[in-house]
C-alpha atoms as a PDB file:
ATOM      1  CA  MET A   1       0.000   0.000   0.000  1.00  0.00           C
ATOM      2  CA  SER A   2       1.388   3.408  -1.029  1.00  0.00           C
ATOM      3  CA  MET A   3       2.197   5.804   1.815  1.00  0.00           C
ATOM      4  CA  ILE A   4       2.461   8.850  -0.444  1.00  0.00           C
ATOM      5  CA  SER A   5      -0.388  10.905  -1.864  1.00  0.00           C
ATOM      6  CA  VAL A   6      -0.936  11.692  -5.538  1.00  0.00           C
ATOM      7  CA  SER A   7      -0.136  15.363  -4.911  1.00  0.00           C
ATOM      8  CA  GLU A   8       3.148  14.539  -3.173  1.00  0.00           C
ATOM      9  CA  ARG A   9       4.132  12.156  -5.958  1.00  0.00           C
ATOM     10  CA  ASP A  10       3.344  14.798  -8.590  1.00  0.00           C
ATOM     11  CA  PHE A  11       5.315  17.451  -6.670  1.00  0.00           C
ATOM     12  CA  ILE A  12       8.393  15.221  -6.347  1.00  0.00           C
ATOM     13  CA  THR A  13       8.279  14.023  -9.958  1.00  0.00           C
ATOM     14  CA  LYS A  14       7.962  17.525 -11.417  1.00  0.00           C
ATOM     15  CA  GLY A  15      10.665  18.844  -9.122  1.00  0.00           C
ATOM     16  CA  ILE A  16      13.072  16.124 -10.229  1.00  0.00           C
ATOM     17  CA  ASP A  17      12.228  16.844 -13.857  1.00  0.00           C
ATOM     18  CA  ALA A  18      13.344  20.451 -13.203  1.00  0.00           C
ATOM     19  CA  SER A  19      16.406  19.258 -11.176  1.00  0.00           C
ATOM     20  CA  ILE A  20      15.059  20.890  -8.016  1.00  0.00           C
ATOM     21  CA  ARG A  21      14.465  18.278  -5.334  1.00  0.00           C
ATOM     22  CA  ALA A  22      12.443  18.871  -2.191  1.00  0.00           C
ATOM     23  CA  ASP A  23      15.571  19.299  -0.037  1.00  0.00           C
ATOM     24  CA  GLY A  24      17.214  21.698  -2.485  1.00  0.00           C
ATOM     25  CA  ARG A  25      19.592  19.231  -4.147  1.00  0.00           C
ATOM     26  CA  GLY A  26      20.047  18.634  -7.849  1.00  0.00           C
ATOM     27  CA  ARG A  27      19.456  15.257  -9.437  1.00  0.00           C
ATOM     28  CA  GLN A  28      23.059  14.079  -8.955  1.00  0.00           C
ATOM     29  CA  ASP A  29      23.803  15.674  -5.580  1.00  0.00           C
ATOM     30  CA  LEU A  30      24.545  13.550  -2.515  1.00  0.00           C
ATOM     31  CA  ARG A  31      23.671  14.461   1.042  1.00  0.00           C
ATOM     32  CA  ASP A  32      26.396  15.164   3.597  1.00  0.00           C
ATOM     33  CA  LEU A  33      27.912  12.173   5.394  1.00  0.00           C
ATOM     34  CA  ARG A  34      29.312  11.713   8.851  1.00  0.00           C
ATOM     35  CA  LEU A  35      31.943   9.029   9.348  1.00  0.00           C
ATOM     36  CA  GLU A  36      33.467   7.531  12.474  1.00  0.00           C
ATOM     37  CA  THR A  37      35.588   4.408  12.895  1.00  0.00           C
ATOM     38  CA  GLY A  38      36.788   2.314  15.800  1.00  0.00           C
ATOM     39  CA  MET A  39      33.901   2.948  18.196  1.00  0.00           C
ATOM     40  CA  ILE A  40      33.234  -0.763  18.980  1.00  0.00           C
ATOM     41  CA  THR A  41      36.076  -1.873  21.219  1.00  0.00           C
ATOM     42  CA  GLN A  42      35.139  -5.580  21.156  1.00  0.00           C
ATOM     43  CA  ALA A  43      35.210  -5.738  17.338  1.00  0.00           C
ATOM     44  CA  SER A  44      38.251  -6.187  15.118  1.00  0.00           C
ATOM     45  CA  GLY A  45      37.092  -3.123  13.182  1.00  0.00           C
ATOM     46  CA  SER A  46      34.023  -0.893  13.009  1.00  0.00           C
ATOM     47  CA  CYS A  47      32.583   2.098  11.200  1.00  0.00           C
ATOM     48  CA  ARG A  48      29.463   4.218  11.552  1.00  0.00           C
ATOM     49  CA  ILE A  49      27.998   6.206   8.671  1.00  0.00           C
ATOM     50  CA  SER A  50      25.257   8.802   9.140  1.00  0.00           C
ATOM     51  CA  ILE A  51      23.592  10.515   6.193  1.00  0.00           C
ATOM     52  CA  ASP A  52      22.310  14.014   6.813  1.00  0.00           C
ATOM     53  CA  GLY A  53      18.577  13.376   6.744  1.00  0.00           C
ATOM     54  CA  GLY A  54      18.151  10.210   8.760  1.00  0.00           C
ATOM     55  CA  THR A  55      20.002   7.114   7.588  1.00  0.00           C
ATOM     56  CA  ASP A  56      22.362   5.759  10.258  1.00  0.00           C
ATOM     57  CA  VAL A  57      24.330   2.528   9.791  1.00  0.00           C
ATOM     58  CA  LEU A  58      26.822   0.771  12.068  1.00  0.00           C
ATOM     59  CA  VAL A  59      29.089  -1.997  10.762  1.00  0.00           C
ATOM     60  CA  GLY A  60      31.329  -4.203  12.868  1.00  0.00           C
ATOM     61  CA  VAL A  61      33.920  -6.742  11.698  1.00  0.00           C
ATOM     62  CA  LYS A  62      34.975  -9.696  13.836  1.00  0.00           C
ATOM     63  CA  VAL A  63      37.754 -12.000  12.636  1.00  0.00           C
ATOM     64  CA  GLU A  64      37.940 -15.628  13.688  1.00  0.00           C
ATOM     65  CA  VAL A  65      39.823 -18.750  12.708  1.00  0.00           C
ATOM     66  CA  GLY A  66      37.726 -21.280  10.821  1.00  0.00           C
ATOM     67  CA  SER A  67      37.877 -24.063   8.276  1.00  0.00           C
ATOM     68  CA  VAL A  68      38.195 -23.452   4.557  1.00  0.00           C
ATOM     69  CA  GLU A  69      34.788 -23.618   2.912  1.00  0.00           C
ATOM     70  CA  PRO A  70      34.722 -26.798   0.770  1.00  0.00           C
ATOM     71  CA  ASP A  71      31.840 -25.786  -1.507  1.00  0.00           C
ATOM     72  CA  LEU A  72      33.025 -22.507  -3.007  1.00  0.00           C
ATOM     73  CA  GLU A  73      34.291 -23.901  -6.305  1.00  0.00           C
ATOM     74  CA  GLY A  74      30.804 -24.188  -7.802  1.00  0.00           C
ATOM     75  CA  GLU A  75      29.910 -20.670  -6.699  1.00  0.00           C
ATOM     76  CA  ALA A  76      33.133 -19.288  -8.150  1.00  0.00           C
ATOM     77  CA  GLU A  77      32.357 -20.866 -11.507  1.00  0.00           C
ATOM     78  CA  VAL A  78      28.860 -19.382 -11.544  1.00  0.00           C
ATOM     79  CA  GLU A  79      29.797 -15.876 -10.398  1.00  0.00           C
ATOM     80  CA  ALA A  80      33.014 -15.423 -12.321  1.00  0.00           C
ATOM     81  CA  VAL A  81      32.733 -13.733 -15.727  1.00  0.00           C
ATOM     82  CA  GLY A  82      36.213 -14.762 -16.796  1.00  0.00           C
ATOM     83  CA  ASP A  83      39.788 -14.710 -15.634  1.00  0.00           C
ATOM     84  CA  ASP A  84      40.830 -12.275 -12.944  1.00  0.00           C
ATOM     85  CA  GLU A  85      42.923  -9.152 -13.598  1.00  0.00           C
ATOM     86  CA  GLU A  86      46.171 -11.045 -13.068  1.00  0.00           C
ATOM     87  CA  GLY A  87      45.270 -13.513 -15.797  1.00  0.00           C
ATOM     88  CA  GLY A  88      44.708 -16.492 -13.522  1.00  0.00           C
ATOM     89  CA  GLU A  89      41.577 -18.593 -13.378  1.00  0.00           C
ATOM     90  CA  VAL A  90      39.068 -17.820 -10.632  1.00  0.00           C
ATOM     91  CA  ALA A  91      37.558 -21.300 -10.376  1.00  0.00           C
ATOM     92  CA  GLY A  92      39.307 -23.723  -8.085  1.00  0.00           C
ATOM     93  CA  ARG A  93      40.328 -21.032  -5.588  1.00  0.00           C
ATOM     94  CA  ASP A  94      38.375 -22.575  -2.725  1.00  0.00           C
ATOM     95  CA  ARG A  95      41.232 -24.457  -1.096  1.00  0.00           C
ATOM     96  CA  ASP A  96      43.527 -21.538  -0.305  1.00  0.00           C
ATOM     97  CA  VAL A  97      41.303 -18.538   0.399  1.00  0.00           C
ATOM     98  CA  GLY A  98      39.576 -17.073   3.411  1.00  0.00           C
ATOM     99  CA  ARG A  99      35.895 -16.248   3.708  1.00  0.00           C
ATOM    100  CA  VAL A 100      33.665 -13.256   4.257  1.00  0.00           C
ATOM    101  CA  VAL A 101      30.290 -13.709   5.953  1.00  0.00           C
ATOM    102  CA  CYS A 102      27.968 -10.691   5.797  1.00  0.00           C
ATOM    103  CA  THR A 103      24.780 -10.183   7.785  1.00  0.00           C
ATOM    104  CA  VAL A 104      22.477  -7.155   7.672  1.00  0.00           C
ATOM    105  CA  ASP A 105      19.984  -6.513  10.463  1.00  0.00           C
ATOM    106  CA  CYS A 106      17.601  -3.679  11.220  1.00  0.00           C
ATOM    107  CA  SER A 107      16.912  -2.043  14.566  1.00  0.00           C
ATOM    108  CA  PRO A 108      13.210  -2.025  15.553  1.00  0.00           C
ATOM    109  CA  SER A 109      13.366   1.743  15.985  1.00  0.00           C
ATOM    110  CA  ALA A 110      14.320   2.110  12.311  1.00  0.00           C
ATOM    111  CA  THR A 111      11.479  -0.021  10.948  1.00  0.00           C
ATOM    112  CA  ARG A 112       8.432   1.952  11.988  1.00  0.00           C
ATOM    113  CA  ILE A 113       7.400   2.673   8.403  1.00  0.00           C
ATOM    114  CA  PHE A 114       8.100  -0.856   7.133  1.00  0.00           C
ATOM    115  CA  ASP A 115       6.081  -4.024   7.262  1.00  0.00           C
ATOM    116  CA  PRO A 116       8.048  -6.613   9.314  1.00  0.00           C
ATOM    117  CA  ARG A 117       8.070  -9.030   6.377  1.00  0.00           C
ATOM    118  CA  ASP A 118       9.471  -6.320   4.100  1.00  0.00           C
ATOM    119  CA  VAL A 119      12.243  -5.656   6.622  1.00  0.00           C
ATOM    120  CA  GLU A 120      13.266  -9.320   6.662  1.00  0.00           C
ATOM    121  CA  ASP A 121      13.271  -9.507   2.861  1.00  0.00           C
ATOM    122  CA  MET A 122      15.284  -6.293   2.630  1.00  0.00           C
ATOM    123  CA  CYS A 123      17.907  -7.501   5.112  1.00  0.00           C
ATOM    124  CA  ASN A 124      18.231 -10.838   3.297  1.00  0.00           C
ATOM    125  CA  GLU A 125      18.586  -9.066  -0.053  1.00  0.00           C
ATOM    126  CA  TYR A 126      21.282  -6.727   1.248  1.00  0.00           C
ATOM    127  CA  SER A 127      23.135  -9.594   2.958  1.00  0.00           C
ATOM    128  CA  GLN A 128      23.202 -11.583  -0.274  1.00  0.00           C
ATOM    129  CA  PHE A 129      24.354  -8.544  -2.245  1.00  0.00           C
ATOM    130  CA  LEU A 130      27.293  -7.961   0.119  1.00  0.00           C
ATOM    131  CA  ASN A 131      28.253 -11.642   0.213  1.00  0.00           C
ATOM    132  CA  ARG A 132      28.236 -11.892  -3.585  1.00  0.00           C
ATOM    133  CA  ILE A 133      30.421  -8.823  -3.986  1.00  0.00           C
ATOM    134  CA  LEU A 134      32.978  -9.398  -1.231  1.00  0.00           C
ATOM    135  CA  ASN A 135      33.421 -13.127  -1.924  1.00  0.00           C
ATOM    136  CA  GLY A 136      33.470 -12.613  -5.680  1.00  0.00           C
ATOM    137  CA  PRO A 137      36.408 -12.030  -8.042  1.00  0.00           C
ATOM    138  CA  HIS A 138      35.687  -8.277  -8.257  1.00  0.00           C
ATOM    139  CA  GLY A 139      35.159  -7.632  -4.545  1.00  0.00           C
ATOM    140  CA  GLY A 140      38.658  -6.203  -4.121  1.00  0.00           C
ATOM    141  CA  LEU A 141      39.652  -8.188  -1.033  1.00  0.00           C
ATOM    142  CA  ASP A 142      42.738 -10.400  -1.222  1.00  0.00           C
ATOM    143  CA  LEU A 143      41.046 -13.560   0.012  1.00  0.00           C
ATOM    144  CA  LYS A 144      44.221 -15.601  -0.478  1.00  0.00           C
ATOM    145  CA  SER A 145      45.967 -13.552   2.206  1.00  0.00           C
ATOM    146  CA  LEU A 146      43.297 -14.727   4.657  1.00  0.00           C
ATOM    147  CA  CYS A 147      44.381 -18.357   4.241  1.00  0.00           C
ATOM    148  CA  ILE A 148      46.454 -19.745   7.113  1.00  0.00           C
ATOM    149  CA  VAL A 149      46.874 -23.411   6.168  1.00  0.00           C
ATOM    150  CA  PRO A 150      45.848 -24.176   2.543  1.00  0.00           C
ATOM    151  CA  GLY A 151      42.980 -26.624   2.358  1.00  0.00           C
ATOM    152  CA  SER A 152      42.422 -26.534   6.101  1.00  0.00           C
ATOM    153  CA  THR A 153      42.358 -23.260   8.051  1.00  0.00           C
ATOM    154  CA  CYS A 154      41.670 -19.645   7.214  1.00  0.00           C
ATOM    155  CA  TRP A 155      40.555 -16.331   8.674  1.00  0.00           C
ATOM    156  CA  ILE A 156      36.839 -15.632   8.452  1.00  0.00           C
ATOM    157  CA  LEU A 157      35.704 -12.011   8.317  1.00  0.00           C
ATOM    158  CA  ASN A 158      32.288 -11.738   9.964  1.00  0.00           C
ATOM    159  CA  ILE A 159      30.751  -8.446   8.843  1.00  0.00           C
ATOM    160  CA  ASP A 160      27.622  -7.427  10.736  1.00  0.00           C
ATOM    161  CA  ALA A 161      25.707  -4.348   9.591  1.00  0.00           C
ATOM    162  CA  LEU A 162      23.019  -2.814  11.792  1.00  0.00           C
ATOM    163  CA  ILE A 163      20.579  -0.249  10.426  1.00  0.00           C
ATOM    164  CA  LEU A 164      19.986   2.215  13.263  1.00  0.00           C
ATOM    165  CA  ASP A 165      17.780   4.691  11.405  1.00  0.00           C
ATOM    166  CA  TYR A 166      16.221   4.933   7.965  1.00  0.00           C
ATOM    167  CA  GLY A 167      16.388   8.014   5.788  1.00  0.00           C
ATOM    168  CA  GLY A 168      16.732   6.460   2.358  1.00  0.00           C
ATOM    169  CA  ASN A 169      19.698   5.106   0.377  1.00  0.00           C
ATOM    170  CA  LEU A 170      20.428   2.284   2.821  1.00  0.00           C
ATOM    171  CA  LEU A 171      22.509  -0.073   0.704  1.00  0.00           C
ATOM    172  CA  ASP A 172      24.931   2.650  -0.382  1.00  0.00           C
ATOM    173  CA  ALA A 173      25.487   3.644   3.253  1.00  0.00           C
ATOM    174  CA  ILE A 174      25.972   0.002   4.301  1.00  0.00           C
ATOM    175  CA  LEU A 175      28.687  -0.595   1.704  1.00  0.00           C
ATOM    176  CA  ILE A 176      30.476   2.655   2.597  1.00  0.00           C
ATOM    177  CA  ALA A 177      30.390   1.668   6.276  1.00  0.00           C
ATOM    178  CA  THR A 178      31.602  -1.846   5.400  1.00  0.00           C
ATOM    179  CA  ARG A 179      34.524  -0.374   3.529  1.00  0.00           C
ATOM    180  CA  GLY A 180      35.326   1.875   6.478  1.00  0.00           C
ATOM    181  CA  ALA A 181      35.119  -1.027   8.924  1.00  0.00           C
ATOM    182  CA  LEU A 182      37.499  -3.107   6.788  1.00  0.00           C
ATOM    183  CA  HIS A 183      39.918  -0.173   6.718  1.00  0.00           C
ATOM    184  CA  ASN A 184      39.757  -0.118  10.527  1.00  0.00           C
ATOM    185  CA  THR A 185      40.077  -3.920  10.933  1.00  0.00           C
ATOM    186  CA  ARG A 186      43.273  -5.482  12.248  1.00  0.00           C
ATOM    187  CA  ILE A 187      43.983  -9.205  11.907  1.00  0.00           C
ATOM    188  CA  PRO A 188      46.429 -10.968  14.272  1.00  0.00           C
ATOM    189  CA  ARG A 189      49.623 -12.039  12.558  1.00  0.00           C
ATOM    190  CA  THR A 190      50.004 -15.810  12.146  1.00  0.00           C
ATOM    191  CA  MET A 191      53.179 -17.890  12.010  1.00  0.00           C
ATOM    192  CA  VAL A 192      52.989 -21.268  10.257  1.00  0.00           C
ATOM    193  CA  GLU A 193      55.455 -24.069  11.003  1.00  0.00           C
ATOM    194  CA  GLN A 194      55.735 -27.552   9.547  1.00  0.00           C
ATOM    195  CA  SER A 195      57.244 -30.420  11.500  1.00  0.00           C
ATOM    196  CA  ASP A 196      56.986 -34.209  11.177  1.00  0.00           C
ATOM    197  CA  GLY A 197      54.533 -33.857   8.309  1.00  0.00           C
ATOM    198  CA  HIS A 198      52.126 -31.752  10.370  1.00  0.00           C
ATOM    199  CA  VAL A 199      51.386 -28.076   9.861  1.00  0.00           C
ATOM    200  CA  GLU A 200      50.940 -25.939  12.957  1.00  0.00           C
ATOM    201  CA  PHE A 201      50.364 -22.216  13.357  1.00  0.00           C
ATOM    202  CA  ASP A 202      50.619 -19.677  16.141  1.00  0.00           C
ATOM    203  CA  ILE A 203      48.659 -16.456  16.490  1.00  0.00           C
ATOM    204  CA  ALA A 204      50.585 -13.423  17.709  1.00  0.00           C
ATOM    205  CA  GLU A 205      49.052 -11.612  20.651  1.00  0.00           C
ATOM    206  CA  GLU A 206      50.357  -8.121  19.853  1.00  0.00           C
ATOM    207  CA  GLU A 207      51.278  -8.020  16.147  1.00  0.00           C
ATOM    208  CA  THR A 208      48.468  -7.308  13.703  1.00  0.00           C
ATOM    209  CA  GLU A 209      47.978  -6.789   9.976  1.00  0.00           C
ATOM    210  CA  VAL A 210      45.556  -4.765   7.878  1.00  0.00           C
ATOM    211  CA  VAL A 211      43.005  -6.422   5.594  1.00  0.00           C
ATOM    212  CA  ASN A 212      44.738  -6.662   2.235  1.00  0.00           C
ATOM    213  CA  GLY A 213      42.707  -5.166  -0.579  1.00  0.00           C
ATOM    214  CA  TRP A 214      40.256  -3.132   1.506  1.00  0.00           C
ATOM    215  CA  GLU A 215      41.011  -0.087  -0.675  1.00  0.00           C
ATOM    216  CA  ASN A 216      39.797  -2.012  -3.738  1.00  0.00           C
ATOM    217  CA  VAL A 217      36.385  -2.769  -2.237  1.00  0.00           C
ATOM    218  CA  PRO A 218      33.806  -1.005  -4.436  1.00  0.00           C
ATOM    219  CA  ALA A 219      31.296   1.607  -3.450  1.00  0.00           C
ATOM    220  CA  CYS A 220      27.628   1.214  -4.336  1.00  0.00           C
ATOM    221  CA  VAL A 221      25.575   3.973  -5.941  1.00  0.00           C
ATOM    222  CA  THR A 222      21.828   3.415  -6.210  1.00  0.00           C
ATOM    223  CA  VAL A 223      20.444   5.282  -9.214  1.00  0.00           C
ATOM    224  CA  THR A 224      16.673   5.774  -8.976  1.00  0.00           C
ATOM    225  CA  LYS A 225      14.380   6.300 -11.966  1.00  0.00           C
ATOM    226  CA  ILE A 226      11.471   8.663 -11.324  1.00  0.00           C
ATOM    227  CA  GLY A 227       9.420   9.703 -14.331  1.00  0.00           C
ATOM    228  CA  SER A 228      11.784  10.175 -17.260  1.00  0.00           C
ATOM    229  CA  ARG A 229      14.717  11.227 -15.047  1.00  0.00           C
ATOM    230  CA  HIS A 230      17.081   9.560 -12.621  1.00  0.00           C
ATOM    231  CA  ILE A 231      18.578  10.652  -9.299  1.00  0.00           C
ATOM    232  CA  VAL A 232      21.096   9.437  -6.718  1.00  0.00           C
ATOM    233  CA  ASP A 233      20.856   9.256  -2.919  1.00  0.00           C
ATOM    234  CA  ALA A 234      17.054   9.125  -2.840  1.00  0.00           C
ATOM    235  CA  THR A 235      15.097  10.111   0.256  1.00  0.00           C
ATOM    236  CA  PRO A 236      12.296   7.857   1.593  1.00  0.00           C
ATOM    237  CA  LEU A 237       9.599   9.846  -0.244  1.00  0.00           C
ATOM    238  CA  GLU A 238      11.601   9.741  -3.468  1.00  0.00           C
ATOM    239  CA  GLU A 239      12.034   5.980  -3.109  1.00  0.00           C
ATOM    240  CA  MET A 240       8.251   5.650  -2.851  1.00  0.00           C
ATOM    241  CA  CYS A 241       7.964   7.430  -6.210  1.00  0.00           C
ATOM    242  CA  ALA A 242      10.583   5.196  -7.859  1.00  0.00           C
ATOM    243  CA  GLU A 243       9.644   3.125 -10.882  1.00  0.00           C
ATOM    244  CA  ALA A 244      12.954   1.243 -10.888  1.00  0.00           C
ATOM    245  CA  GLN A 245      16.408   1.337  -9.335  1.00  0.00           C
ATOM    246  CA  ILE A 246      19.846   0.330 -10.583  1.00  0.00           C
ATOM    247  CA  ARG A 247      22.524  -0.471  -7.996  1.00  0.00           C
ATOM    248  CA  VAL A 248      25.959   0.144  -9.444  1.00  0.00           C
ATOM    249  CA  ALA A 249      29.056  -1.110  -7.607  1.00  0.00           C
ATOM    250  CA  VAL A 250      32.214   0.599  -8.882  1.00  0.00           C
ATOM    251  CA  ASN A 251      35.828   0.473  -7.683  1.00  0.00           C
ATOM    252  CA  ARG A 252      38.533   3.137  -7.634  1.00  0.00           C
ATOM    253  CA  LYS A 253      39.624   2.283 -11.174  1.00  0.00           C
ATOM    254  CA  GLY A 254      36.126   2.977 -12.468  1.00  0.00           C
ATOM    255  CA  HIS A 255      35.408  -0.691 -13.202  1.00  0.00           C
ATOM    256  CA  LEU A 256      31.868  -1.966 -12.744  1.00  0.00           C
ATOM    257  CA  CYS A 257      31.917  -4.728 -10.124  1.00  0.00           C
ATOM    258  CA  ALA A 258      28.189  -5.440  -9.908  1.00  0.00           C
ATOM    259  CA  VAL A 259      24.907  -4.185 -11.330  1.00  0.00           C
ATOM    260  CA  GLN A 260      21.504  -5.071  -9.898  1.00  0.00           C
ATOM    261  CA  LYS A 261      18.046  -3.833 -10.867  1.00  0.00           C
ATOM    262  CA  SER A 262      15.066  -3.603  -8.537  1.00  0.00           C
ATOM    263  CA  GLY A 263      11.541  -2.333  -8.971  1.00  0.00           C
ATOM    264  CA  LYS A 264       8.766  -3.299 -11.361  1.00  0.00           C
ATOM    265  CA  GLY A 265       9.239  -0.501 -13.892  1.00  0.00           C
ATOM    266  CA  GLY A 266      11.177  -0.828 -17.119  1.00  0.00           C
ATOM    267  CA  ILE A 267      14.227   1.176 -18.208  1.00  0.00           C
ATOM    268  CA  ASP A 268      14.938   2.194 -21.796  1.00  0.00           C
ATOM    269  CA  PRO A 269      18.393   1.107 -23.040  1.00  0.00           C
ATOM    270  CA  SER A 270      19.485   4.714 -23.627  1.00  0.00           C
ATOM    271  CA  LEU A 271      18.435   5.729 -20.107  1.00  0.00           C
ATOM    272  CA  LEU A 272      20.093   2.614 -18.673  1.00  0.00           C
ATOM    273  CA  ALA A 273      23.417   3.657 -20.213  1.00  0.00           C
ATOM    274  CA  ASP A 274      23.069   7.117 -18.683  1.00  0.00           C
ATOM    275  CA  MET A 275      22.210   5.630 -15.272  1.00  0.00           C
ATOM    276  CA  LEU A 276      25.253   3.336 -15.353  1.00  0.00           C
ATOM    277  CA  GLN A 277      27.520   6.235 -16.299  1.00  0.00           C
ATOM    278  CA  THR A 278      26.054   8.346 -13.489  1.00  0.00           C
ATOM    279  CA  GLY A 279      26.707   5.521 -11.030  1.00  0.00           C
ATOM    280  CA  LYS A 280      30.334   5.214 -12.173  1.00  0.00           C
ATOM    281  CA  VAL A 281      31.063   8.947 -11.909  1.00  0.00           C
ATOM    282  CA  ILE A 282      29.346   9.409  -8.546  1.00  0.00           C
ATOM    283  CA  GLY A 283      30.898   6.199  -7.210  1.00  0.00           C
ATOM    284  CA  GLN A 284      34.456   7.283  -7.989  1.00  0.00           C
ATOM    285  CA  ALA A 285      33.866  10.701  -6.395  1.00  0.00           C
ATOM    286  CA  LEU A 286      32.388   8.982  -3.341  1.00  0.00           C
ATOM    287  CA  LEU A 287      35.397   6.678  -3.016  1.00  0.00           C
ATOM    288  CA  LYS A 288      37.806   9.596  -3.251  1.00  0.00           C
ATOM    289  CA  SER A 289      35.985  11.526  -0.523  1.00  0.00           C
ATOM    290  CA  THR A 290      35.539   8.571   1.835  1.00  0.00           C
ATOM    291  CA  ASP A 291      39.178   7.494   1.454  1.00  0.00           C
ATOM    292  CA  ALA A 292      40.285  10.987   2.450  1.00  0.00           C
ATOM    293  CA  ALA A 293      37.861  10.952   5.395  1.00  0.00           C
ATOM    294  CA  LEU A 294      39.082   7.518   6.505  1.00  0.00           C
ATOM    295  CA  GLU A 295      42.667   8.733   6.497  1.00  0.00           C
ATOM    296  CA  GLN A 296      41.699  11.774   8.568  1.00  0.00           C
ATOM    297  CA  ASP A 297      39.745   9.577  10.954  1.00  0.00           C
ATOM    298  CA  ALA A 298      42.708   7.228  11.414  1.00  0.00           C
ATOM    299  CA  GLN A 299      44.872  10.225  12.310  1.00  0.00           C
ATOM    300  CA  ARG A 300      42.134  11.499  14.653  1.00  0.00           C
ATOM    301  CA  ILE A 301      42.098   8.188  16.542  1.00  0.00           C
ATOM    302  CA  GLU A 302      45.874   8.334  16.976  1.00  0.00           C
ATOM    303  CA  ARG A 303      45.619  11.855  18.394  1.00  0.00           C
ATOM    304  CA  GLY A 304      42.595  11.010  20.583  1.00  0.00           C
ATOM    305  CA  GLU A 305      40.440  13.771  19.107  1.00  0.00           C
ATOM    306  CA  PRO A 306      36.604  13.822  18.727  1.00  0.00           C
ATOM    307  CA  ALA A 307      34.924  12.245  15.700  1.00  0.00           C
ATOM    308  CA  LEU A 308      34.740  13.906  12.295  1.00  0.00           C
ATOM    309  CA  GLY A 309      31.639  15.860  11.360  1.00  0.00           C
ATOM    310  CA  PHE A 310      29.737  15.900   8.115  1.00  0.00           C
ATOM    311  CA  PHE A 311      31.768  16.182   4.914  1.00  0.00           C
ATOM    312  CA  ARG A 312      30.827  17.097   1.361  1.00  0.00           C
ATOM    313  CA  LEU A 313      31.904  15.543  -1.882  1.00  0.00           C
ATOM    314  CA  GLU A 314      34.362  17.689  -3.788  1.00  0.00           C
END
């Protein structure tokens, strides 16, 4: 059941057609973001992203030692579109890589405008999206570096995202926060020794390592089609007016890592090309800004200063 009136829908649609949105932004303008890392002391890494206007997401990463997943080879063959950038084959990588397990949950205080069944479906959809990207060949993470003993033991990155408040554009905020949490994550250094045909490893108590490849994790830009136009960073009312959405995951090199459509409306091929290009341009600008903010936040933590405030894309 629609929660927006015909007059509101008409006002939003005509405003977007004129590139004047209800909050004063243009069609391709993002809202201000607030970023903070390292606030969960029990986690291996954490990041909180707040979008000016309501959306608030907290992501925590917990690393643990686990067994190598034996059933990834089939998934790699299905998801891979070809050889990786280094020229090697992606299939067959299951015996010497680590794993990423993503879970998205929603706080009851953030779900007041949702049906409970819609919330569960949304969280499952977002969890699957994150798992496909971060465990896939274009997710950016160096999964091989997470392997401790090939064919036996590896590091597992448990990524838990909690939606604290809803103000639109959730998935984009979740992936930004995930990227920030991975930047903040430290993994204990392991030392592997082989004796008498047995492989043993020790975990250092003080020495840690960063997550290799976190900087190559893509950002997600959700491009929303309303009327004959498209926008980014939609508000809740704008999402209710959406005919269709395209989620574009792009990395720092400008490569498309994933594309997913949602919504019942159709998209003309010419408009689809424009929406993909918009996602690529906005995504690269978003990555540049968040990387700079993450570096500032890391320096802030070292100096013991208060958290960063809102920042704008340059």
